[in-house]
Structures are given as structure tokens and as C-alpha cells.
Amino acid sequence: MSNTPHTLHDEFPDHAQKLSALKNSSAHFAQLLVDYDAVNAKIHRSETRLDLLTDEEEEALRRQRVHLKDHIWAHLKEA
């Protein structure tokens, strides 16, 4: 398992300005970022063994993170 944090700026390094602009102009997009960060933090805490999750719980969080990342990417492509 990787314990890489997977921040959005690491995931989309060429879109940092778009991330900031959309966050400031869209409440929906801002909430997506908050949700992504919360799920990502839970995964990272599990990977670093600060919180213990079952494999199923961690896998569900990973699927949720991918879904959120895909949604964020769709917004970035439109902007």
C-alpha cells in the first residue's frame, strides 16, 4: 500500500489555477474539494496506520475518492 497523500495539486499539477478559480466561483466545486480532501485524509490515515479500517472500508473510500476525482476532472475540463 502506498501512503502517498494524493493531494489534488499533486493529482492535477497543471491545473492549480483552475482549481483555485473554480473553488472561488462555484460552491458545488468547493464542496467537491472538501469532500475529496476528507476522504483522502481518511485513506491516508489508514495507510499510515493512524486509523484502522477493514480492507472493505478502505476499498470503499478509495472508490469514493476516484469518483470525486473524476467529478473534479470533469469540471476542470469544462473550465
Protein backbone atom coordinates (compact mmCIF):
# COMPACT_ATOMS: atom_id res chain seq x y z
CA MET A 1 0.00 0.00 0.00
CA SER A 2 1.15 3.47 -0.79
CA ASN A 3 0.97 6.17 1.83
CA THR A 4 1.23 9.00 -0.68
CA PRO A 5 -1.20 11.76 0.30
CA HIS A 6 -2.74 12.21 -3.24
CA THR A 7 -3.49 15.91 -2.82
CA LEU A 8 -5.40 17.48 -5.69
CA HIS A 9 -2.47 19.76 -6.51
CA ASP A 10 -0.33 16.61 -6.88
CA GLU A 11 -3.02 14.88 -8.92
CA PHE A 12 -3.62 17.88 -11.22
CA PRO A 13 -0.35 19.86 -11.11
CA ASP A 14 -1.06 21.71 -14.36
CA HIS A 15 -4.47 22.88 -13.16
CA ALA A 16 -3.68 24.62 -9.87
CA GLN A 17 -5.05 27.96 -11.09
CA LYS A 18 -8.25 26.35 -12.38
CA LEU A 19 -8.71 24.54 -9.06
CA SER A 20 -8.46 27.84 -7.18
CA ALA A 21 -10.66 29.77 -9.62
CA LEU A 22 -13.40 27.14 -9.63
CA LYS A 23 -13.24 26.81 -5.85
CA ASN A 24 -13.84 30.55 -5.54
CA SER A 25 -16.58 30.74 -8.15
CA SER A 26 -18.59 27.57 -7.51
CA ALA A 27 -19.96 26.42 -4.17
CA HIS A 28 -20.59 22.96 -5.66
CA PHE A 29 -16.97 22.66 -6.81
CA ALA A 30 -15.70 23.93 -3.47
CA GLN A 31 -17.74 21.22 -1.73
CA LEU A 32 -16.27 18.58 -4.06
CA LEU A 33 -12.81 19.67 -2.95
CA VAL A 34 -13.79 19.50 0.72
CA ASP A 35 -15.28 16.03 0.20
CA TYR A 36 -12.21 14.83 -1.71
CA ASP A 37 -9.86 16.12 0.99
CA ALA A 38 -11.90 14.45 3.74
CA VAL A 39 -11.98 11.07 2.00
CA ASN A 40 -8.34 11.36 1.02
CA ALA A 41 -7.35 12.15 4.62
CA LYS A 42 -9.21 9.06 5.89
CA ILE A 43 -7.38 6.89 3.36
CA HIS A 44 -4.02 8.41 4.21
CA ARG A 45 -4.62 7.93 7.95
CA SER A 46 -5.49 4.29 7.30
CA GLU A 47 -2.43 3.75 5.10
CA THR A 48 -0.14 5.21 7.75
CA ARG A 49 -1.90 3.12 10.41
CA LEU A 50 -3.14 6.08 12.42
CA ASP A 51 -6.68 4.75 11.98
CA LEU A 52 -7.51 1.11 11.47
CA LEU A 53 -10.04 0.30 8.77
CA THR A 54 -11.07 -3.01 7.32
CA ASP A 55 -9.95 -3.76 3.79
CA GLU A 56 -13.56 -3.32 2.67
CA GLU A 57 -13.87 0.09 4.33
CA GLU A 58 -10.62 1.29 2.80
CA GLU A 59 -11.61 -0.02 -0.64
CA ALA A 60 -14.96 1.78 -0.41
CA LEU A 61 -13.14 5.01 0.44
CA ARG A 62 -10.78 4.50 -2.50
CA ARG A 63 -13.75 4.07 -4.85
CA GLN A 64 -15.32 7.23 -3.42
CA ARG A 65 -12.05 9.13 -3.93
CA VAL A 66 -11.86 8.00 -7.57
CA HIS A 67 -15.47 9.07 -8.12
CA LEU A 68 -14.79 12.50 -6.62
CA LYS A 69 -11.57 12.87 -8.60
CA ASP A 70 -13.42 12.01 -11.82
CA HIS A 71 -16.10 14.57 -10.99
CA ILE A 72 -13.47 17.21 -10.26
CA TRP A 73 -11.68 16.38 -13.52
CA ALA A 74 -14.93 16.81 -15.47
CA HIS A 75 -15.27 20.32 -14.04
CA LEU A 76 -11.64 21.14 -14.83
CA LYS A 77 -12.06 20.05 -18.45
CA GLU A 78 -15.12 22.29 -18.87
CA ALA A 79 -13.43 25.36 -17.42
